[in-house]
């Protein structure tokens, strides 16, 4: 159970509850993003230590808060040096992702073609996000790669999803420049 006594967590949950109330996904994600940016910029949000430790084998994915009645989950990801994701989607759900500590490289892709189980993507740019910076993913614009941009320190991000993201699709490069889609189940660490 989440300890809402930790600095900023009760405020985060209260503000997320209010932000997800609008039915329009554009307004909803804008509200979640504004909530994150305000709390992160003011440094009022402090995570319990169990959320901040990196794992040696892969980035850590830890459930911070789940509200199935309102239809969202908040997940903290801790990225060790060099850790990142393959090209992936968000299983058709909206997401707001923001950096709490460190720096994260985000490369965004658009799906431009799918034929016979082979996918083609166009890279749409890359940003390096630092503390307090956030972005929204709204399907069909949900494809990206994340990577810790710090060579010798962990980075921590907060992801708020429009549901319980228990799987996604990853896209593995093929020899012909296209990608193969594989479904990957997702779980939480600790």
N, C-alpha and C. Protein backbone atom coordinates (compact mmCIF):
# COMPACT_ATOMS: atom_id res chain seq x y z
N UNK A 1 0.84 -1.19 0.00
CA UNK A 1 0.00 0.00 0.00
C UNK A 1 0.88 1.24 0.00
N UNK A 2 0.51 2.21 -0.77
CA UNK A 2 1.26 3.45 -0.89
C UNK A 2 1.15 4.28 0.39
N UNK A 3 2.29 4.74 0.89
CA UNK A 3 2.32 5.60 2.06
C UNK A 3 2.09 7.04 1.60
N UNK A 4 0.87 7.51 1.76
CA UNK A 4 0.54 8.86 1.30
C UNK A 4 1.11 9.94 2.21
N UNK A 5 1.82 9.53 3.27
CA UNK A 5 2.47 10.50 4.15
C UNK A 5 3.78 11.00 3.55
N UNK A 6 4.33 10.28 2.59
CA UNK A 6 5.57 10.73 1.95
C UNK A 6 5.30 12.06 1.26
N UNK A 7 6.27 12.98 1.31
CA UNK A 7 6.03 14.33 0.78
C UNK A 7 5.53 14.35 -0.66
N UNK A 8 4.40 15.00 -0.85
CA UNK A 8 3.84 15.23 -2.17
C UNK A 8 2.96 14.13 -2.72
N UNK A 9 2.98 12.93 -2.13
CA UNK A 9 2.22 11.82 -2.72
C UNK A 9 0.72 11.99 -2.58
N UNK A 10 0.24 12.44 -1.43
CA UNK A 10 -1.21 12.67 -1.27
C UNK A 10 -1.67 13.75 -2.24
N UNK A 11 -0.88 14.80 -2.41
CA UNK A 11 -1.24 15.85 -3.36
C UNK A 11 -1.22 15.31 -4.79
N UNK A 12 -0.23 14.50 -5.12
CA UNK A 12 -0.17 13.91 -6.46
C UNK A 12 -1.42 13.11 -6.75
N UNK A 13 -1.80 12.21 -5.85
CA UNK A 13 -2.96 11.35 -6.07
C UNK A 13 -4.23 12.19 -6.17
N UNK A 14 -4.40 13.16 -5.30
CA UNK A 14 -5.59 14.03 -5.34
C UNK A 14 -5.69 14.78 -6.66
N UNK A 15 -4.55 15.32 -7.11
CA UNK A 15 -4.56 16.09 -8.36
C UNK A 15 -4.71 15.19 -9.58
N UNK A 16 -4.15 13.98 -9.54
CA UNK A 16 -4.36 13.04 -10.65
C UNK A 16 -5.82 12.63 -10.72
N UNK A 17 -6.44 12.36 -9.57
CA UNK A 17 -7.86 12.02 -9.54
C UNK A 17 -8.69 13.10 -10.23
N UNK A 18 -8.39 14.36 -9.96
CA UNK A 18 -9.12 15.47 -10.58
C UNK A 18 -8.79 15.59 -12.07
N UNK A 19 -7.53 15.37 -12.43
CA UNK A 19 -7.10 15.55 -13.82
C UNK A 19 -7.70 14.52 -14.75
N UNK A 20 -7.92 13.29 -14.27
CA UNK A 20 -8.43 12.25 -15.15
C UNK A 20 -9.95 12.30 -15.29
N UNK A 21 -10.61 13.21 -14.57
CA UNK A 21 -12.07 13.31 -14.64
C UNK A 21 -12.60 13.73 -16.01
N UNK A 22 -11.96 14.67 -16.72
CA UNK A 22 -12.52 15.05 -18.03
C UNK A 22 -12.54 13.87 -18.99
N UNK A 23 -13.56 13.82 -19.84
CA UNK A 23 -13.67 12.73 -20.79
C UNK A 23 -12.77 12.88 -22.00
N UNK A 24 -12.42 14.09 -22.37
CA UNK A 24 -11.59 14.37 -23.53
C UNK A 24 -10.13 14.03 -23.23
N UNK A 25 -9.53 13.15 -24.05
CA UNK A 25 -8.18 12.69 -23.78
C UNK A 25 -7.16 13.82 -23.87
N UNK A 26 -7.38 14.80 -24.73
CA UNK A 26 -6.45 15.94 -24.82
C UNK A 26 -6.44 16.73 -23.52
N UNK A 27 -7.63 17.03 -22.98
CA UNK A 27 -7.73 17.78 -21.73
C UNK A 27 -7.20 16.97 -20.56
N UNK A 28 -7.52 15.70 -20.56
CA UNK A 28 -7.09 14.81 -19.50
C UNK A 28 -5.56 14.74 -19.44
N UNK A 29 -4.90 14.48 -20.56
CA UNK A 29 -3.44 14.37 -20.55
C UNK A 29 -2.79 15.71 -20.25
N UNK A 30 -3.39 16.80 -20.71
CA UNK A 30 -2.85 18.13 -20.38
C UNK A 30 -2.91 18.37 -18.88
N UNK A 31 -4.00 17.94 -18.24
CA UNK A 31 -4.12 18.10 -16.79
C UNK A 31 -3.14 17.25 -16.02
N UNK A 32 -2.93 16.02 -16.47
CA UNK A 32 -1.95 15.13 -15.82
C UNK A 32 -0.55 15.71 -16.00
N UNK A 33 -0.25 16.18 -17.19
CA UNK A 33 1.08 16.76 -17.46
C UNK A 33 1.32 17.99 -16.60
N UNK A 34 0.33 18.88 -16.49
CA UNK A 34 0.47 20.09 -15.68
C UNK A 34 0.67 19.72 -14.20
N UNK A 35 -0.03 18.71 -13.74
CA UNK A 35 0.14 18.24 -12.36
C UNK A 35 1.57 17.78 -12.12
N UNK A 36 2.07 16.94 -13.02
CA UNK A 36 3.44 16.44 -12.88
C UNK A 36 4.43 17.60 -12.89
N UNK A 37 4.33 18.46 -13.89
CA UNK A 37 5.31 19.55 -14.03
C UNK A 37 5.32 20.45 -12.81
N UNK A 38 4.14 20.75 -12.26
CA UNK A 38 4.07 21.60 -11.07
C UNK A 38 4.73 20.93 -9.88
N UNK A 39 4.39 19.68 -9.60
CA UNK A 39 4.95 18.99 -8.44
C UNK A 39 6.45 18.73 -8.60
N UNK A 40 6.88 18.38 -9.80
CA UNK A 40 8.30 18.10 -10.02
C UNK A 40 9.13 19.38 -9.95
N UNK A 41 8.64 20.46 -10.56
CA UNK A 41 9.39 21.71 -10.57
C UNK A 41 9.53 22.30 -9.17
N UNK A 42 8.51 22.12 -8.36
CA UNK A 42 8.55 22.67 -7.00
C UNK A 42 9.29 21.76 -6.03
N UNK A 43 9.65 20.56 -6.50
CA UNK A 43 10.35 19.55 -5.69
C UNK A 43 9.52 19.11 -4.48
N UNK A 44 8.18 19.24 -4.58
CA UNK A 44 7.30 18.82 -3.48
C UNK A 44 7.08 17.32 -3.47
N UNK A 45 7.33 16.66 -4.58
CA UNK A 45 7.11 15.22 -4.68
C UNK A 45 8.39 14.48 -4.32
N UNK A 46 8.33 13.68 -3.27
CA UNK A 46 9.48 12.88 -2.83
C UNK A 46 9.04 11.43 -2.75
N UNK A 47 9.73 10.59 -3.48
CA UNK A 47 9.37 9.17 -3.50
C UNK A 47 9.99 8.42 -2.34
N UNK A 48 9.27 7.45 -1.80
CA UNK A 48 9.89 6.56 -0.81
C UNK A 48 11.10 5.86 -1.44
N UNK A 49 12.10 5.55 -0.63
CA UNK A 49 13.36 5.01 -1.15
C UNK A 49 13.18 3.71 -1.94
N UNK A 50 12.14 2.93 -1.66
CA UNK A 50 11.97 1.66 -2.39
C UNK A 50 11.70 1.88 -3.89
N UNK A 51 11.38 3.11 -4.28
CA UNK A 51 11.12 3.42 -5.69
C UNK A 51 12.36 3.92 -6.43
N UNK A 52 13.42 4.23 -5.72
CA UNK A 52 14.53 4.93 -6.35
C UNK A 52 15.76 4.08 -6.65
N UNK A 53 15.75 2.84 -6.21
CA UNK A 53 16.91 1.97 -6.42
C UNK A 53 16.86 1.34 -7.81
N UNK A 54 17.93 1.50 -8.60
CA UNK A 54 17.96 0.82 -9.90
C UNK A 54 18.19 -0.68 -9.73
N UNK A 55 17.85 -1.42 -10.77
CA UNK A 55 18.13 -2.86 -10.82
C UNK A 55 19.33 -3.05 -11.74
N UNK A 56 20.14 -4.06 -11.50
CA UNK A 56 21.32 -4.24 -12.34
C UNK A 56 21.01 -4.80 -13.72
N UNK A 57 19.89 -5.54 -13.87
CA UNK A 57 19.62 -6.26 -15.10
C UNK A 57 18.74 -5.50 -16.09
N UNK A 58 17.89 -4.61 -15.61
CA UNK A 58 16.98 -3.86 -16.49
C UNK A 58 16.39 -2.71 -15.69
N UNK A 59 15.74 -1.79 -16.38
CA UNK A 59 15.10 -0.70 -15.64
C UNK A 59 14.03 -1.28 -14.73
N UNK A 60 13.81 -0.62 -13.60
CA UNK A 60 12.83 -1.09 -12.63
C UNK A 60 11.49 -0.41 -12.91
N UNK A 61 10.43 -1.19 -12.85
CA UNK A 61 9.07 -0.71 -13.08
C UNK A 61 8.27 -1.00 -11.82
N UNK A 62 7.89 0.07 -11.09
CA UNK A 62 7.25 -0.11 -9.79
C UNK A 62 5.93 0.64 -9.73
N UNK A 63 4.89 -0.05 -9.29
CA UNK A 63 3.57 0.55 -9.16
C UNK A 63 3.57 1.54 -8.00
N UNK A 64 3.21 2.79 -8.30
CA UNK A 64 3.10 3.83 -7.28
C UNK A 64 1.65 3.94 -6.80
N UNK A 65 0.71 3.95 -7.76
CA UNK A 65 -0.71 4.11 -7.40
C UNK A 65 -1.58 3.54 -8.51
N UNK A 66 -2.66 2.91 -8.10
CA UNK A 66 -3.62 2.35 -9.06
C UNK A 66 -5.01 2.80 -8.64
N UNK A 67 -5.77 3.36 -9.59
CA UNK A 67 -7.16 3.72 -9.33
C UNK A 67 -7.97 3.20 -10.51
N UNK A 68 -8.43 1.97 -10.40
CA UNK A 68 -9.16 1.35 -11.50
C UNK A 68 -10.53 1.99 -11.70
N UNK A 69 -11.12 2.54 -10.65
CA UNK A 69 -12.42 3.22 -10.79
C UNK A 69 -12.29 4.44 -11.69
N UNK A 70 -11.19 5.16 -11.56
CA UNK A 70 -10.94 6.33 -12.40
C UNK A 70 -10.18 5.98 -13.67
N UNK A 71 -9.69 4.75 -13.74
CA UNK A 71 -9.07 4.25 -14.96
C UNK A 71 -7.64 4.69 -15.21
N UNK A 72 -6.82 4.76 -14.15
CA UNK A 72 -5.41 5.11 -14.39
C UNK A 72 -4.50 4.40 -13.39
N UNK A 73 -3.23 4.32 -13.77
CA UNK A 73 -2.17 3.84 -12.88
C UNK A 73 -0.99 4.80 -12.98
N UNK A 74 -0.26 4.92 -11.89
CA UNK A 74 0.97 5.72 -11.85
C UNK A 74 2.12 4.76 -11.54
N UNK A 75 3.12 4.76 -12.40
CA UNK A 75 4.23 3.82 -12.31
C UNK A 75 5.54 4.60 -12.29
N UNK A 76 6.42 4.24 -11.37
CA UNK A 76 7.76 4.84 -11.30
C UNK A 76 8.73 3.88 -11.98
N UNK A 77 9.57 4.44 -12.84
CA UNK A 77 10.61 3.64 -13.48
C UNK A 77 11.96 4.22 -13.09
N UNK A 78 12.84 3.34 -12.66
CA UNK A 78 14.20 3.74 -12.28
C UNK A 78 15.15 3.10 -13.28
N UNK A 79 15.97 3.94 -13.88
CA UNK A 79 16.84 3.53 -14.98
C UNK A 79 18.30 3.60 -14.54
N UNK A 80 19.00 2.48 -14.55
CA UNK A 80 20.42 2.49 -14.28
C UNK A 80 21.18 3.00 -15.49
N UNK A 81 22.47 3.28 -15.34
CA UNK A 81 23.27 3.74 -16.48
C UNK A 81 23.15 2.77 -17.66
N UNK A 82 22.90 3.32 -18.84
CA UNK A 82 22.83 2.52 -20.06
C UNK A 82 21.52 1.79 -20.28
N UNK A 83 20.61 1.82 -19.33
CA UNK A 83 19.36 1.08 -19.49
C UNK A 83 18.36 1.84 -20.34
N UNK A 84 17.57 1.09 -21.11
CA UNK A 84 16.57 1.70 -21.97
C UNK A 84 15.58 0.66 -22.45
N UNK A 85 14.72 1.10 -23.35
CA UNK A 85 13.70 0.22 -23.91
C UNK A 85 13.97 -0.01 -25.39
N UNK A 86 13.40 -1.07 -25.94
CA UNK A 86 13.35 -1.18 -27.39
C UNK A 86 12.24 -0.25 -27.90
N UNK A 87 12.13 -0.10 -29.19
CA UNK A 87 11.00 0.61 -29.78
C UNK A 87 9.74 -0.13 -29.33
N UNK A 88 8.77 0.62 -28.79
CA UNK A 88 7.56 -0.01 -28.25
C UNK A 88 6.36 0.91 -28.37
N UNK A 89 5.17 0.31 -28.17
CA UNK A 89 3.93 1.08 -28.13
C UNK A 89 3.40 1.09 -26.70
N UNK A 90 2.21 1.64 -26.54
CA UNK A 90 1.59 1.71 -25.21
C UNK A 90 0.25 1.00 -25.19
N UNK A 91 0.15 -0.07 -25.96
CA UNK A 91 -1.04 -0.93 -25.97
C UNK A 91 -2.32 -0.15 -26.22
N UNK A 92 -2.20 0.94 -26.98
CA UNK A 92 -3.38 1.73 -27.35
C UNK A 92 -3.91 2.64 -26.26
N UNK A 93 -3.16 2.84 -25.18
CA UNK A 93 -3.66 3.73 -24.13
C UNK A 93 -2.81 4.99 -24.01
N UNK A 94 -3.45 6.06 -23.54
CA UNK A 94 -2.73 7.32 -23.35
C UNK A 94 -1.75 7.17 -22.20
N UNK A 95 -0.74 8.04 -22.22
CA UNK A 95 0.27 8.03 -21.16
C UNK A 95 0.88 9.42 -21.06
N UNK A 96 1.19 9.82 -19.85
CA UNK A 96 1.99 11.01 -19.60
C UNK A 96 3.24 10.53 -18.88
N UNK A 97 4.41 10.90 -19.40
CA UNK A 97 5.68 10.48 -18.83
C UNK A 97 6.50 11.71 -18.48
N UNK A 98 7.09 11.70 -17.29
CA UNK A 98 7.90 12.84 -16.88
C UNK A 98 9.13 12.39 -16.10
N UNK A 99 10.14 13.24 -16.13
CA UNK A 99 11.41 12.96 -15.45
C UNK A 99 11.39 13.58 -14.06
N UNK A 100 11.65 12.76 -13.05
CA UNK A 100 11.77 13.24 -11.68
C UNK A 100 13.21 13.55 -11.33
N UNK A 101 14.13 12.67 -11.75
CA UNK A 101 15.56 12.85 -11.47
C UNK A 101 16.35 12.35 -12.66
N UNK A 102 17.47 13.01 -12.94
CA UNK A 102 18.36 12.58 -14.00
C UNK A 102 17.96 13.12 -15.36
N UNK A 103 18.31 12.37 -16.40
CA UNK A 103 18.04 12.78 -17.77
C UNK A 103 17.66 11.53 -18.58
N UNK A 104 16.64 11.69 -19.42
CA UNK A 104 16.15 10.59 -20.24
C UNK A 104 16.12 11.04 -21.70
N UNK A 105 16.67 10.20 -22.59
CA UNK A 105 16.55 10.44 -24.03
C UNK A 105 15.24 9.80 -24.49
N UNK A 106 14.47 10.55 -25.24
CA UNK A 106 13.21 10.06 -25.78
C UNK A 106 13.25 10.24 -27.29
N UNK A 107 13.17 9.14 -28.02
CA UNK A 107 13.11 9.17 -29.48
C UNK A 107 11.70 8.74 -29.88
N UNK A 108 11.00 9.61 -30.60
CA UNK A 108 9.62 9.34 -31.00
C UNK A 108 9.57 8.83 -32.43
N UNK A 109 8.65 7.90 -32.69
CA UNK A 109 8.48 7.30 -34.01
C UNK A 109 7.02 7.33 -34.42
N UNK A 110 6.79 7.45 -35.72
CA UNK A 110 5.45 7.29 -36.28
C UNK A 110 5.41 6.00 -37.09
N UNK A 111 4.33 5.25 -36.94
CA UNK A 111 4.11 4.07 -37.75
C UNK A 111 3.66 4.55 -39.13
N UNK A 112 4.39 4.17 -40.17
CA UNK A 112 4.06 4.65 -41.52
C UNK A 112 3.53 3.55 -42.43
N UNK A 113 3.74 2.28 -42.06
CA UNK A 113 3.27 1.20 -42.92
C UNK A 113 3.28 -0.11 -42.16
N UNK A 114 2.31 -0.96 -42.50
CA UNK A 114 2.28 -2.32 -41.97
C UNK A 114 1.78 -3.21 -43.08
N UNK A 115 2.60 -4.18 -43.46
CA UNK A 115 2.24 -5.15 -44.50
C UNK A 115 2.76 -6.51 -44.11
N UNK A 116 1.88 -7.49 -44.14
CA UNK A 116 2.27 -8.88 -43.92
C UNK A 116 3.08 -9.07 -42.63
N UNK A 117 2.68 -8.39 -41.57
CA UNK A 117 3.36 -8.53 -40.29
C UNK A 117 4.68 -7.81 -40.18
N UNK A 118 4.99 -6.95 -41.15
CA UNK A 118 6.22 -6.15 -41.11
C UNK A 118 5.84 -4.68 -40.98
N UNK A 119 6.51 -4.00 -40.09
CA UNK A 119 6.16 -2.63 -39.75
C UNK A 119 7.28 -1.69 -40.16
N UNK A 120 6.88 -0.50 -40.65
CA UNK A 120 7.85 0.54 -41.00
C UNK A 120 7.56 1.77 -40.15
N UNK A 121 8.62 2.35 -39.61
CA UNK A 121 8.52 3.53 -38.75
C UNK A 121 9.37 4.66 -39.30
N UNK A 122 8.95 5.88 -39.04
CA UNK A 122 9.74 7.07 -39.35
C UNK A 122 10.08 7.75 -38.03
N UNK A 123 11.36 7.94 -37.80
CA UNK A 123 11.79 8.62 -36.58
C UNK A 123 11.41 10.09 -36.68
N UNK A 124 10.80 10.60 -35.63
CA UNK A 124 10.29 11.98 -35.63
C UNK A 124 11.09 12.91 -34.74
N UNK A 125 12.24 12.49 -34.32
CA UNK A 125 13.09 13.35 -33.51
C UNK A 125 13.40 12.75 -32.16
N UNK A 126 14.30 13.41 -31.48
CA UNK A 126 14.75 12.96 -30.17
C UNK A 126 14.92 14.17 -29.28
N UNK A 127 14.55 14.02 -28.02
CA UNK A 127 14.77 15.06 -27.02
C UNK A 127 15.47 14.44 -25.83
N UNK A 128 16.17 15.25 -25.10
CA UNK A 128 16.74 14.84 -23.83
C UNK A 128 15.98 15.61 -22.77
N UNK A 129 15.23 14.88 -21.95
CA UNK A 129 14.37 15.49 -20.94
C UNK A 129 15.04 15.43 -19.57
N UNK A 130 14.91 16.52 -18.83
CA UNK A 130 15.47 16.60 -17.48
C UNK A 130 14.36 16.74 -16.46
N UNK A 131 14.73 16.91 -15.20
CA UNK A 131 13.75 16.98 -14.12
C UNK A 131 12.67 18.04 -14.39
N UNK A 132 11.43 17.61 -14.19
CA UNK A 132 10.29 18.50 -14.36
C UNK A 132 9.73 18.52 -15.77
N UNK A 133 10.40 17.88 -16.71
CA UNK A 133 9.91 17.85 -18.09
C UNK A 133 9.02 16.63 -18.29
N UNK A 134 7.93 16.81 -19.06
CA UNK A 134 6.99 15.71 -19.29
C UNK A 134 6.46 15.79 -20.71
N UNK A 135 5.95 14.67 -21.18
CA UNK A 135 5.34 14.59 -22.50
C UNK A 135 4.16 13.64 -22.47
N UNK A 136 3.32 13.77 -23.50
CA UNK A 136 2.10 12.97 -23.60
C UNK A 136 2.18 12.05 -24.82
N UNK A 137 1.66 10.86 -24.66
CA UNK A 137 1.52 9.92 -25.76
C UNK A 137 0.04 9.61 -25.89
N UNK A 138 -0.52 9.95 -27.04
CA UNK A 138 -1.94 9.71 -27.29
C UNK A 138 -2.04 8.91 -28.58
N UNK A 139 -2.57 7.67 -28.49
CA UNK A 139 -2.68 6.87 -29.71
C UNK A 139 -3.44 7.62 -30.80
N UNK A 140 -2.98 7.51 -32.05
CA UNK A 140 -2.03 6.53 -32.56
C UNK A 140 -0.56 6.95 -32.42
N UNK A 141 -0.29 8.07 -31.77
CA UNK A 141 1.09 8.54 -31.60
C UNK A 141 1.62 8.03 -30.26
N UNK A 142 2.05 6.77 -30.25
CA UNK A 142 2.41 6.11 -29.00
C UNK A 142 3.71 5.32 -29.09
N UNK A 143 4.50 5.53 -30.12
CA UNK A 143 5.69 4.71 -30.35
C UNK A 143 6.94 5.50 -29.98
N UNK A 144 7.79 4.89 -29.15
CA UNK A 144 9.02 5.58 -28.79
C UNK A 144 10.04 4.63 -28.18
N UNK A 145 11.23 5.20 -27.95
CA UNK A 145 12.34 4.52 -27.28
C UNK A 145 12.78 5.44 -26.15
N UNK A 146 12.96 4.89 -24.96
CA UNK A 146 13.47 5.65 -23.82
C UNK A 146 14.82 5.08 -23.40
N UNK A 147 15.72 5.97 -22.96
CA UNK A 147 17.04 5.52 -22.51
C UNK A 147 17.58 6.52 -21.49
N UNK A 148 18.21 5.99 -20.45
CA UNK A 148 18.87 6.84 -19.47
C UNK A 148 20.03 7.56 -20.16
N UNK A 149 20.01 8.89 -20.10
CA UNK A 149 21.04 9.69 -20.78
C UNK A 149 22.26 9.93 -19.90
N UNK A 150 22.23 9.44 -18.68
CA UNK A 150 23.36 9.65 -17.76
C UNK A 150 24.26 8.41 -17.77
N UNK A 151 25.54 8.56 -18.08
CA UNK A 151 26.41 7.39 -18.17
C UNK A 151 26.81 6.80 -16.82
N UNK A 152 26.65 7.55 -15.74
CA UNK A 152 27.15 7.06 -14.45
C UNK A 152 26.19 7.28 -13.28
N UNK A 153 24.90 7.49 -13.57
CA UNK A 153 23.93 7.70 -12.51
C UNK A 153 22.55 7.22 -12.95
N UNK A 154 21.69 6.96 -11.99
CA UNK A 154 20.32 6.54 -12.28
C UNK A 154 19.47 7.74 -12.66
N UNK A 155 18.41 7.47 -13.38
CA UNK A 155 17.38 8.46 -13.69
C UNK A 155 16.05 7.86 -13.25
N UNK A 156 15.11 8.73 -12.86
CA UNK A 156 13.82 8.27 -12.37
C UNK A 156 12.71 9.00 -13.12
N UNK A 157 11.74 8.23 -13.61
CA UNK A 157 10.61 8.79 -14.33
C UNK A 157 9.30 8.34 -13.71
N UNK A 158 8.26 9.14 -13.93
CA UNK A 158 6.91 8.81 -13.51
C UNK A 158 6.05 8.69 -14.76
N UNK A 159 5.29 7.60 -14.86
CA UNK A 159 4.44 7.32 -16.01
C UNK A 159 3.01 7.16 -15.50
N UNK A 160 2.09 7.93 -16.04
CA UNK A 160 0.68 7.80 -15.68
C UNK A 160 -0.03 7.29 -16.93
N UNK A 161 -0.64 6.10 -16.80
CA UNK A 161 -1.28 5.42 -17.92
C UNK A 161 -2.80 5.47 -17.78
N UNK A 162 -3.48 5.47 -18.92
CA UNK A 162 -4.94 5.43 -18.95
C UNK A 162 -5.45 4.02 -18.79
N UNK A 163 -5.03 3.34 -17.76
CA UNK A 163 -5.42 1.97 -17.47
C UNK A 163 -4.27 1.21 -16.85
N UNK A 164 -4.41 -0.08 -16.81
CA UNK A 164 -3.35 -0.95 -16.29
C UNK A 164 -2.57 -1.49 -17.48
N UNK A 165 -1.36 -1.00 -17.65
CA UNK A 165 -0.55 -1.43 -18.79
C UNK A 165 0.19 -2.71 -18.41
N UNK A 166 -0.42 -3.85 -18.73
CA UNK A 166 0.16 -5.13 -18.37
C UNK A 166 0.88 -5.80 -19.54
N UNK A 167 0.88 -5.11 -20.69
CA UNK A 167 1.63 -5.60 -21.85
C UNK A 167 1.84 -4.43 -22.82
N UNK A 168 2.74 -4.62 -23.72
CA UNK A 168 2.92 -3.69 -24.83
C UNK A 168 3.47 -4.50 -25.99
N UNK A 169 3.62 -3.86 -27.12
CA UNK A 169 4.30 -4.50 -28.24
C UNK A 169 5.65 -3.85 -28.42
N UNK A 170 6.66 -4.68 -28.59
CA UNK A 170 7.98 -4.16 -28.93
C UNK A 170 8.22 -4.49 -30.40
N UNK A 171 9.09 -3.69 -31.01
CA UNK A 171 9.35 -3.82 -32.44
C UNK A 171 10.83 -4.07 -32.63
N UNK A 172 11.12 -5.28 -33.10
CA UNK A 172 12.49 -5.72 -33.30
C UNK A 172 12.90 -5.47 -34.75
N UNK A 173 14.08 -4.84 -34.97
CA UNK A 173 14.54 -4.59 -36.34
C UNK A 173 14.76 -5.89 -37.11
N UNK A 174 14.39 -5.86 -38.38
CA UNK A 174 14.64 -6.97 -39.29
C UNK A 174 15.78 -6.60 -40.22
N UNK A 175 16.25 -7.55 -40.98
CA UNK A 175 17.36 -7.32 -41.92
C UNK A 175 17.00 -6.38 -43.05
N UNK A 176 15.70 -6.21 -43.35
CA UNK A 176 15.27 -5.38 -44.48
C UNK A 176 14.88 -3.94 -44.08
N UNK A 177 15.18 -3.55 -42.84
CA UNK A 177 14.87 -2.19 -42.39
C UNK A 177 13.47 -2.04 -41.79
N UNK A 178 12.68 -3.10 -41.86
CA UNK A 178 11.35 -3.08 -41.25
C UNK A 178 11.45 -3.73 -39.87
N UNK A 179 10.33 -3.80 -39.17
CA UNK A 179 10.32 -4.31 -37.81
C UNK A 179 9.32 -5.44 -37.67
N UNK A 180 9.64 -6.36 -36.78
CA UNK A 180 8.73 -7.43 -36.40
C UNK A 180 8.10 -7.05 -35.05
N UNK A 181 6.80 -7.24 -34.91
CA UNK A 181 6.09 -6.91 -33.68
C UNK A 181 6.00 -8.14 -32.78
N UNK A 182 6.38 -7.96 -31.52
CA UNK A 182 6.29 -9.01 -30.51
C UNK A 182 5.53 -8.46 -29.30
N UNK A 183 4.63 -9.25 -28.75
CA UNK A 183 3.92 -8.83 -27.55
C UNK A 183 4.79 -9.16 -26.34
N UNK A 184 4.93 -8.16 -25.45
CA UNK A 184 5.73 -8.35 -24.24
C UNK A 184 4.85 -8.13 -23.02
N UNK A 185 4.72 -9.16 -22.17
CA UNK A 185 3.98 -8.95 -20.91
C UNK A 185 4.82 -8.04 -20.00
N UNK A 186 4.13 -7.20 -19.23
CA UNK A 186 4.80 -6.30 -18.30
C UNK A 186 4.38 -6.64 -16.88
N UNK A 187 5.29 -6.46 -15.96
CA UNK A 187 5.00 -6.69 -14.55
C UNK A 187 5.71 -5.63 -13.74
N UNK A 188 5.48 -5.67 -12.45
CA UNK A 188 6.13 -4.72 -11.54
C UNK A 188 7.25 -5.41 -10.79
N UNK A 189 8.26 -4.65 -10.45
CA UNK A 189 9.35 -5.15 -9.63
C UNK A 189 9.05 -4.81 -8.18
N UNK A 190 9.35 -5.72 -7.30
CA UNK A 190 9.12 -5.56 -5.86
C UNK A 190 7.65 -5.31 -5.59
